[in-house]
Amino acid sequence: MAEARYNIYRSTVHWRYAMARPHLLFFDARLIFFIILFIFHIRWWTFAVLVFAIAGFTGASYFSFSLENVVRLVRSKLVGQFRPAVSHTRLRPMADYGSDALLSQRTEQH
């Protein structure tokens, strides 16, 4: 079996485990950013940020949320209930600059 020589754990490896959340011990592996921040800049506020991040990631995993779900939840709470179908940048401004009227006046004068 060709698959067995690449498997260092001598167990079946399935493609569905590729999207599993990475863990360091029992913490989410994405905490490594906060750990490195604390190691390279040891201050009380970086320790507080690390503890807050550990508590946040642990609470999110307790409720079976991923980091993407938590970001989406925070974003939806900040934006509110109103969700326009078209972005405000794509809406045309509701102002009449009179360009058609100026154009018709210029053509009448000539």
C-alpha atoms as a PDB file:
ATOM      1  CA  MET A   1       0.000   0.000   0.000  1.00  0.00           C
ATOM      2  CA  ALA A   2       1.641   3.243  -1.182  1.00  0.00           C
ATOM      3  CA  GLU A   3      -0.214   5.334   1.368  1.00  0.00           C
ATOM      4  CA  ALA A   4       1.376   3.484   4.321  1.00  0.00           C
ATOM      5  CA  ARG A   5       4.923   4.693   3.668  1.00  0.00           C
ATOM      6  CA  TYR A   6       3.900   8.351   4.059  1.00  0.00           C
ATOM      7  CA  ASN A   7       1.965   7.754   7.260  1.00  0.00           C
ATOM      8  CA  ILE A   8       4.342   8.179  10.200  1.00  0.00           C
ATOM      9  CA  TYR A   9       1.708   7.219  12.767  1.00  0.00           C
ATOM     10  CA  ARG A  10       0.891   3.867  11.120  1.00  0.00           C
ATOM     11  CA  SER A  11      -2.798   4.636  11.066  1.00  0.00           C
ATOM     12  CA  THR A  12      -5.307   5.452   8.368  1.00  0.00           C
ATOM     13  CA  VAL A  13      -5.141   9.065   7.226  1.00  0.00           C
ATOM     14  CA  HIS A  14      -8.279  10.502   5.700  1.00  0.00           C
ATOM     15  CA  TRP A  15      -8.682  13.707   3.726  1.00  0.00           C
ATOM     16  CA  ARG A  16     -11.544  14.824   5.975  1.00  0.00           C
ATOM     17  CA  TYR A  17      -9.090  15.507   8.822  1.00  0.00           C
ATOM     18  CA  ALA A  18      -7.402  18.261   6.814  1.00  0.00           C
ATOM     19  CA  MET A  19      -9.945  20.857   8.004  1.00  0.00           C
ATOM     20  CA  ALA A  20      -9.718  19.921  11.683  1.00  0.00           C
ATOM     21  CA  ARG A  21      -8.649  22.683  14.064  1.00  0.00           C
ATOM     22  CA  PRO A  22      -4.976  22.417  14.955  1.00  0.00           C
ATOM     23  CA  HIS A  23      -4.176  21.999  18.655  1.00  0.00           C
ATOM     24  CA  LEU A  24      -1.120  22.479  20.842  1.00  0.00           C
ATOM     25  CA  LEU A  25      -1.787  20.281  23.858  1.00  0.00           C
ATOM     26  CA  PHE A  26      -5.401  21.207  24.596  1.00  0.00           C
ATOM     27  CA  PHE A  27      -5.213  24.823  23.292  1.00  0.00           C
ATOM     28  CA  ASP A  28      -5.993  26.078  19.815  1.00  0.00           C
ATOM     29  CA  ALA A  29      -2.772  26.289  17.799  1.00  0.00           C
ATOM     30  CA  ARG A  30      -3.649  29.767  16.539  1.00  0.00           C
ATOM     31  CA  LEU A  31      -2.732  31.049  19.989  1.00  0.00           C
ATOM     32  CA  ILE A  32       0.898  30.775  18.933  1.00  0.00           C
ATOM     33  CA  PHE A  33       0.793  34.421  17.793  1.00  0.00           C
ATOM     34  CA  PHE A  34      -0.099  35.579  21.304  1.00  0.00           C
ATOM     35  CA  ILE A  35       2.453  33.247  22.885  1.00  0.00           C
ATOM     36  CA  ILE A  36       5.224  34.571  20.629  1.00  0.00           C
ATOM     37  CA  LEU A  37       4.117  38.148  21.338  1.00  0.00           C
ATOM     38  CA  PHE A  38       4.399  37.500  25.065  1.00  0.00           C
ATOM     39  CA  ILE A  39       7.753  35.712  24.773  1.00  0.00           C
ATOM     40  CA  PHE A  40       9.359  38.483  22.729  1.00  0.00           C
ATOM     41  CA  HIS A  41       7.760  41.371  24.644  1.00  0.00           C
ATOM     42  CA  ILE A  42       7.280  40.325  28.265  1.00  0.00           C
ATOM     43  CA  ARG A  43       5.040  42.908  29.875  1.00  0.00           C
ATOM     44  CA  TRP A  44       1.942  42.748  32.044  1.00  0.00           C
ATOM     45  CA  TRP A  45      -0.301  43.912  29.221  1.00  0.00           C
ATOM     46  CA  THR A  46       0.985  41.208  26.838  1.00  0.00           C
ATOM     47  CA  PHE A  47       0.385  38.639  29.568  1.00  0.00           C
ATOM     48  CA  ALA A  48      -3.159  39.986  29.964  1.00  0.00           C
ATOM     49  CA  VAL A  49      -3.688  39.781  26.195  1.00  0.00           C
ATOM     50  CA  LEU A  50      -2.412  36.188  26.226  1.00  0.00           C
ATOM     51  CA  VAL A  51      -4.725  35.197  29.095  1.00  0.00           C
ATOM     52  CA  PHE A  52      -7.668  36.961  27.409  1.00  0.00           C
ATOM     53  CA  ALA A  53      -6.907  35.174  24.112  1.00  0.00           C
ATOM     54  CA  ILE A  54      -6.656  31.786  25.860  1.00  0.00           C
ATOM     55  CA  ALA A  55      -9.971  32.433  27.612  1.00  0.00           C
ATOM     56  CA  GLY A  56     -11.581  33.563  24.363  1.00  0.00           C
ATOM     57  CA  PHE A  57     -10.373  30.587  22.344  1.00  0.00           C
ATOM     58  CA  THR A  58     -11.291  28.163  25.133  1.00  0.00           C
ATOM     59  CA  GLY A  59     -14.766  29.690  25.436  1.00  0.00           C
ATOM     60  CA  ALA A  60     -15.256  29.553  21.682  1.00  0.00           C
ATOM     61  CA  SER A  61     -14.222  25.907  21.530  1.00  0.00           C
ATOM     62  CA  TYR A  62     -16.518  25.126  24.475  1.00  0.00           C
ATOM     63  CA  PHE A  63     -19.456  26.420  22.426  1.00  0.00           C
ATOM     64  CA  SER A  64     -18.104  24.653  19.288  1.00  0.00           C
ATOM     65  CA  PHE A  65     -17.269  27.907  17.492  1.00  0.00           C
ATOM     66  CA  SER A  66     -14.268  28.296  15.259  1.00  0.00           C
ATOM     67  CA  LEU A  67     -12.284  31.513  14.928  1.00  0.00           C
ATOM     68  CA  GLU A  68     -14.060  32.321  11.667  1.00  0.00           C
ATOM     69  CA  ASN A  69     -17.465  31.930  13.321  1.00  0.00           C
ATOM     70  CA  VAL A  70     -16.500  34.221  16.210  1.00  0.00           C
ATOM     71  CA  VAL A  71     -15.237  36.906  13.818  1.00  0.00           C
ATOM     72  CA  ARG A  72     -18.456  36.624  11.805  1.00  0.00           C
ATOM     73  CA  LEU A  73     -20.531  36.882  15.008  1.00  0.00           C
ATOM     74  CA  VAL A  74     -18.671  39.992  16.214  1.00  0.00           C
ATOM     75  CA  ARG A  75     -18.947  41.589  12.783  1.00  0.00           C
ATOM     76  CA  SER A  76     -22.691  40.947  12.629  1.00  0.00           C
ATOM     77  CA  LYS A  77     -23.164  42.437  16.110  1.00  0.00           C
ATOM     78  CA  LEU A  78     -21.221  45.561  15.114  1.00  0.00           C
ATOM     79  CA  VAL A  79     -23.040  46.065  11.800  1.00  0.00           C
ATOM     80  CA  GLY A  80     -26.538  45.513  13.152  1.00  0.00           C
ATOM     81  CA  GLN A  81     -29.724  44.084  11.680  1.00  0.00           C
ATOM     82  CA  PHE A  82     -29.902  46.158   8.459  1.00  0.00           C
ATOM     83  CA  ARG A  83     -28.289  44.348   5.540  1.00  0.00           C
ATOM     84  CA  PRO A  84     -28.707  46.166   2.218  1.00  0.00           C
ATOM     85  CA  ALA A  85     -28.700  44.062  -0.916  1.00  0.00           C
ATOM     86  CA  VAL A  86     -26.332  46.509  -2.623  1.00  0.00           C
ATOM     87  CA  SER A  87     -23.302  48.067  -1.016  1.00  0.00           C
ATOM     88  CA  HIS A  88     -23.479  51.806  -0.344  1.00  0.00           C
ATOM     89  CA  THR A  89     -20.466  52.331  -2.597  1.00  0.00           C
ATOM     90  CA  ARG A  90     -22.343  50.915  -5.590  1.00  0.00           C
ATOM     91  CA  LEU A  91     -25.416  53.081  -5.116  1.00  0.00           C
ATOM     92  CA  ARG A  92     -25.623  56.118  -7.340  1.00  0.00           C
ATOM     93  CA  PRO A  93     -25.723  59.433  -5.495  1.00  0.00           C
ATOM     94  CA  MET A  94     -29.197  60.913  -5.255  1.00  0.00           C
ATOM     95  CA  ALA A  95     -28.274  64.361  -6.509  1.00  0.00           C
ATOM     96  CA  ASP A  96     -29.154  66.153  -9.714  1.00  0.00           C
ATOM     97  CA  TYR A  97     -26.155  67.993 -11.022  1.00  0.00           C
ATOM     98  CA  GLY A  98     -28.092  69.395 -13.948  1.00  0.00           C
ATOM     99  CA  SER A  99     -25.658  68.103 -16.527  1.00  0.00           C
ATOM    100  CA  ASP A 100     -28.464  67.347 -19.010  1.00  0.00           C
ATOM    101  CA  ALA A 101     -29.894  70.831 -18.630  1.00  0.00           C
ATOM    102  CA  LEU A 102     -26.484  72.442 -19.141  1.00  0.00           C
ATOM    103  CA  LEU A 103     -25.841  70.289 -22.175  1.00  0.00           C
ATOM    104  CA  SER A 104     -29.172  71.250 -23.772  1.00  0.00           C
ATOM    105  CA  GLN A 105     -28.489  74.974 -23.130  1.00  0.00           C
ATOM    106  CA  ARG A 106     -25.100  74.757 -24.817  1.00  0.00           C
ATOM    107  CA  THR A 107     -26.540  73.082 -27.892  1.00  0.00           C
ATOM    108  CA  GLU A 108     -29.297  75.691 -28.159  1.00  0.00           C
ATOM    109  CA  GLN A 109     -26.818  78.595 -28.043  1.00  0.00           C
ATOM    110  CA  HIS A 110     -24.755  77.278 -30.961  1.00  0.00           C
END
